[in-house]
Amino acid sequence: MAAEEVLQTVDHYKTEIERLTKELTETTHEKIQAAEYGLVVLEEKLTLKQQYDELEAEYDSLKQELEQLKEIAHYLFICFIYSFTNLY
């Protein structure tokens, strides 16, 4: 009977080793997938950051251009008023 118990114990350990090996393989696969997903997210974040920086630079440029146009419009308005008042 002792030999039969040893065989059952060995079979139990074999089954446990197979289960743990399968679990380790699945867990490793899941970690690899998570890492790959993390890299995709990081790449997208970098792309969005670059787009944001470009848009911010364009915004600053357009804001400066608008201020210059406002100054020109103000100057032209003053010139118009001055020339209009000198007509009469």
N, C-alpha and C. Protein backbone atom coordinates (compact mmCIF):
# COMPACT_ATOMS: atom_id res chain seq x y z
N MET A 1 0.82 -1.20 0.00
CA MET A 1 0.00 0.00 0.00
C MET A 1 0.86 1.26 0.00
N ALA A 2 2.04 1.21 0.57
CA ALA A 2 2.93 2.37 0.62
C ALA A 2 3.38 2.75 -0.78
N ALA A 3 3.63 1.78 -1.63
CA ALA A 3 4.06 2.05 -3.00
C ALA A 3 2.95 2.74 -3.77
N GLU A 4 1.72 2.32 -3.53
CA GLU A 4 0.57 2.94 -4.19
C GLU A 4 0.42 4.38 -3.73
N GLU A 5 0.62 4.66 -2.48
CA GLU A 5 0.55 6.04 -1.95
C GLU A 5 1.65 6.90 -2.54
N VAL A 6 2.84 6.33 -2.71
CA VAL A 6 3.95 7.07 -3.32
C VAL A 6 3.59 7.43 -4.76
N LEU A 7 3.02 6.47 -5.50
CA LEU A 7 2.63 6.74 -6.88
C LEU A 7 1.55 7.82 -6.95
N GLN A 8 0.60 7.77 -6.03
CA GLN A 8 -0.44 8.81 -5.99
C GLN A 8 0.18 10.17 -5.68
N THR A 9 1.12 10.19 -4.76
CA THR A 9 1.79 11.44 -4.41
C THR A 9 2.58 11.97 -5.60
N VAL A 10 3.29 11.08 -6.29
CA VAL A 10 4.04 11.47 -7.48
C VAL A 10 3.09 12.00 -8.55
N ASP A 11 1.98 11.32 -8.79
CA ASP A 11 0.99 11.78 -9.76
C ASP A 11 0.42 13.15 -9.36
N HIS A 12 0.18 13.31 -8.07
CA HIS A 12 -0.33 14.59 -7.57
C HIS A 12 0.67 15.70 -7.85
N TYR A 13 1.96 15.43 -7.58
CA TYR A 13 2.99 16.45 -7.82
C TYR A 13 3.15 16.73 -9.31
N LYS A 14 3.05 15.71 -10.16
CA LYS A 14 3.13 15.91 -11.60
C LYS A 14 1.98 16.80 -12.08
N THR A 15 0.79 16.50 -11.59
CA THR A 15 -0.37 17.31 -11.94
C THR A 15 -0.19 18.75 -11.47
N GLU A 16 0.31 18.90 -10.27
CA GLU A 16 0.53 20.25 -9.72
C GLU A 16 1.59 20.99 -10.52
N ILE A 17 2.65 20.31 -10.92
CA ILE A 17 3.70 20.93 -11.73
C ILE A 17 3.14 21.35 -13.08
N GLU A 18 2.33 20.51 -13.71
CA GLU A 18 1.71 20.85 -14.99
C GLU A 18 0.80 22.07 -14.85
N ARG A 19 0.02 22.10 -13.79
CA ARG A 19 -0.89 23.23 -13.54
C ARG A 19 -0.09 24.52 -13.34
N LEU A 20 0.96 24.44 -12.51
CA LEU A 20 1.76 25.63 -12.25
C LEU A 20 2.52 26.09 -13.49
N THR A 21 2.99 25.14 -14.29
CA THR A 21 3.68 25.50 -15.53
C THR A 21 2.73 26.21 -16.49
N LYS A 22 1.52 25.68 -16.60
CA LYS A 22 0.51 26.31 -17.47
C LYS A 22 0.16 27.71 -16.95
N GLU A 23 -0.01 27.83 -15.66
CA GLU A 23 -0.33 29.13 -15.06
C GLU A 23 0.81 30.12 -15.28
N LEU A 24 2.04 29.66 -15.13
CA LEU A 24 3.21 30.53 -15.35
C LEU A 24 3.27 31.00 -16.80
N THR A 25 3.01 30.09 -17.72
CA THR A 25 3.01 30.44 -19.14
C THR A 25 1.94 31.48 -19.45
N GLU A 26 0.74 31.28 -18.91
CA GLU A 26 -0.35 32.23 -19.14
C GLU A 26 -0.02 33.59 -18.53
N THR A 27 0.51 33.57 -17.33
CA THR A 27 0.85 34.83 -16.65
C THR A 27 1.95 35.57 -17.41
N THR A 28 2.93 34.83 -17.87
CA THR A 28 4.01 35.44 -18.64
C THR A 28 3.46 36.05 -19.92
N HIS A 29 2.57 35.33 -20.59
CA HIS A 29 1.95 35.84 -21.82
C HIS A 29 1.16 37.12 -21.53
N GLU A 30 0.41 37.11 -20.44
CA GLU A 30 -0.37 38.31 -20.07
C GLU A 30 0.55 39.49 -19.78
N LYS A 31 1.67 39.24 -19.12
CA LYS A 31 2.60 40.34 -18.82
C LYS A 31 3.22 40.89 -20.09
N ILE A 32 3.52 40.01 -21.04
CA ILE A 32 4.07 40.47 -22.32
C ILE A 32 3.04 41.31 -23.05
N GLN A 33 1.79 40.87 -23.07
CA GLN A 33 0.73 41.64 -23.72
C GLN A 33 0.57 43.00 -23.05
N ALA A 34 0.62 43.02 -21.72
CA ALA A 34 0.48 44.29 -21.00
C ALA A 34 1.65 45.22 -21.33
N ALA A 35 2.84 44.67 -21.43
CA ALA A 35 4.00 45.49 -21.78
C ALA A 35 3.88 46.05 -23.19
N GLU A 36 3.42 45.22 -24.12
CA GLU A 36 3.23 45.68 -25.50
C GLU A 36 2.18 46.78 -25.56
N TYR A 37 1.09 46.60 -24.82
CA TYR A 37 0.05 47.62 -24.77
C TYR A 37 0.60 48.91 -24.16
N GLY A 38 1.40 48.75 -23.12
CA GLY A 38 2.01 49.93 -22.50
C GLY A 38 2.89 50.70 -23.47
N LEU A 39 3.62 49.98 -24.30
CA LEU A 39 4.46 50.64 -25.30
C LEU A 39 3.61 51.39 -26.33
N VAL A 40 2.50 50.78 -26.73
CA VAL A 40 1.60 51.45 -27.69
C VAL A 40 1.05 52.73 -27.07
N VAL A 41 0.64 52.64 -25.82
CA VAL A 41 0.09 53.82 -25.13
C VAL A 41 1.16 54.90 -25.00
N LEU A 42 2.38 54.50 -24.67
CA LEU A 42 3.48 55.46 -24.53
C LEU A 42 3.78 56.13 -25.87
N GLU A 43 3.80 55.36 -26.95
CA GLU A 43 4.03 55.95 -28.27
C GLU A 43 2.93 56.93 -28.63
N GLU A 44 1.68 56.58 -28.33
CA GLU A 44 0.57 57.48 -28.62
C GLU A 44 0.67 58.75 -27.78
N LYS A 45 1.08 58.59 -26.53
CA LYS A 45 1.24 59.75 -25.67
C LYS A 45 2.31 60.69 -26.23
N LEU A 46 3.41 60.13 -26.70
CA LEU A 46 4.48 60.95 -27.27
C LEU A 46 4.00 61.66 -28.54
N THR A 47 3.22 60.95 -29.36
CA THR A 47 2.68 61.56 -30.57
C THR A 47 1.73 62.71 -30.22
N LEU A 48 0.86 62.47 -29.25
CA LEU A 48 -0.07 63.53 -28.83
C LEU A 48 0.67 64.71 -28.22
N LYS A 49 1.72 64.45 -27.48
CA LYS A 49 2.52 65.54 -26.89
C LYS A 49 3.16 66.38 -27.99
N GLN A 50 3.67 65.71 -29.01
CA GLN A 50 4.28 66.42 -30.13
C GLN A 50 3.23 67.27 -30.86
N GLN A 51 2.04 66.69 -31.10
CA GLN A 51 0.97 67.44 -31.75
C GLN A 51 0.56 68.64 -30.89
N TYR A 52 0.48 68.43 -29.58
CA TYR A 52 0.12 69.51 -28.67
C TYR A 52 1.15 70.63 -28.76
N ASP A 53 2.43 70.27 -28.73
CA ASP A 53 3.49 71.28 -28.80
C ASP A 53 3.41 72.06 -30.11
N GLU A 54 3.15 71.34 -31.21
CA GLU A 54 3.02 72.02 -32.51
C GLU A 54 1.83 72.97 -32.52
N LEU A 55 0.70 72.50 -31.98
CA LEU A 55 -0.49 73.36 -31.95
C LEU A 55 -0.28 74.56 -31.03
N GLU A 56 0.41 74.35 -29.93
CA GLU A 56 0.68 75.46 -29.02
C GLU A 56 1.57 76.50 -29.70
N ALA A 57 2.58 76.06 -30.44
CA ALA A 57 3.46 76.98 -31.16
C ALA A 57 2.67 77.75 -32.23
N GLU A 58 1.79 77.03 -32.93
CA GLU A 58 0.96 77.68 -33.95
C GLU A 58 0.02 78.70 -33.30
N TYR A 59 -0.55 78.34 -32.15
CA TYR A 59 -1.43 79.25 -31.42
C TYR A 59 -0.67 80.52 -31.02
N ASP A 60 0.53 80.35 -30.49
CA ASP A 60 1.32 81.51 -30.08
C ASP A 60 1.65 82.41 -31.27
N SER A 61 1.97 81.78 -32.41
CA SER A 61 2.27 82.54 -33.62
C SER A 61 1.05 83.31 -34.10
N LEU A 62 -0.11 82.64 -34.12
CA LEU A 62 -1.34 83.31 -34.55
C LEU A 62 -1.76 84.41 -33.59
N LYS A 63 -1.53 84.19 -32.31
CA LYS A 63 -1.86 85.21 -31.31
C LYS A 63 -1.00 86.45 -31.54
N GLN A 64 0.28 86.24 -31.81
CA GLN A 64 1.17 87.37 -32.07
C GLN A 64 0.76 88.09 -33.35
N GLU A 65 0.40 87.32 -34.38
CA GLU A 65 -0.04 87.92 -35.64
C GLU A 65 -1.32 88.73 -35.43
N LEU A 66 -2.24 88.22 -34.62
CA LEU A 66 -3.47 88.95 -34.33
C LEU A 66 -3.17 90.26 -33.62
N GLU A 67 -2.27 90.24 -32.67
CA GLU A 67 -1.91 91.47 -31.97
C GLU A 67 -1.32 92.49 -32.94
N GLN A 68 -0.49 92.02 -33.87
CA GLN A 68 0.08 92.94 -34.87
C GLN A 68 -1.01 93.51 -35.76
N LEU A 69 -1.96 92.67 -36.16
CA LEU A 69 -3.06 93.14 -36.99
C LEU A 69 -3.93 94.15 -36.25
N LYS A 70 -4.12 93.92 -34.96
CA LYS A 70 -4.89 94.88 -34.15
C LYS A 70 -4.19 96.23 -34.11
N GLU A 71 -2.86 96.20 -33.96
CA GLU A 71 -2.10 97.45 -33.94
C GLU A 71 -2.21 98.18 -35.27
N ILE A 72 -2.12 97.41 -36.36
CA ILE A 72 -2.24 98.01 -37.70
C ILE A 72 -3.64 98.59 -37.90
N ALA A 73 -4.66 97.84 -37.49
CA ALA A 73 -6.04 98.32 -37.63
C ALA A 73 -6.23 99.60 -36.81
N HIS A 74 -5.68 99.62 -35.61
CA HIS A 74 -5.79 100.81 -34.77
C HIS A 74 -5.10 102.00 -35.44
N TYR A 75 -3.91 101.76 -35.99
CA TYR A 75 -3.17 102.82 -36.67
C TYR A 75 -3.96 103.33 -37.88
N LEU A 76 -4.52 102.39 -38.68
CA LEU A 76 -5.29 102.80 -39.85
C LEU A 76 -6.55 103.57 -39.46
N PHE A 77 -7.17 103.16 -38.37
CA PHE A 77 -8.35 103.87 -37.89
C PHE A 77 -7.99 105.30 -37.50
N ILE A 78 -6.89 105.44 -36.79
CA ILE A 78 -6.44 106.79 -36.39
C ILE A 78 -6.12 107.63 -37.63
N CYS A 79 -5.46 107.04 -38.62
CA CYS A 79 -5.14 107.75 -39.85
C CYS A 79 -6.42 108.16 -40.58
N PHE A 80 -7.40 107.26 -40.59
CA PHE A 80 -8.66 107.55 -41.25
C PHE A 80 -9.37 108.72 -40.54
N ILE A 81 -9.44 108.64 -39.22
CA ILE A 81 -10.08 109.71 -38.45
C ILE A 81 -9.35 111.03 -38.67
N TYR A 82 -8.04 110.99 -38.66
CA TYR A 82 -7.24 112.21 -38.85
C TYR A 82 -7.49 112.80 -40.24
N SER A 83 -7.45 111.94 -41.26
CA SER A 83 -7.67 112.44 -42.61
C SER A 83 -9.11 112.91 -42.82
N PHE A 84 -10.05 112.25 -42.16
CA PHE A 84 -11.46 112.63 -42.27
C PHE A 84 -11.68 114.00 -41.61
N THR A 85 -11.06 114.22 -40.46
CA THR A 85 -11.25 115.49 -39.76
C THR A 85 -10.53 116.64 -40.51
N ASN A 86 -9.48 116.32 -41.24
CA ASN A 86 -8.76 117.34 -41.99
C ASN A 86 -9.50 117.71 -43.28
N LEU A 87 -10.45 116.90 -43.69
CA LEU A 87 -11.23 117.22 -44.89
C LEU A 87 -12.21 118.35 -44.63
N TYR A 88 -12.61 118.49 -43.38
CA TYR A 88 -13.64 119.47 -43.05
C TYR A 88 -13.09 120.62 -42.30
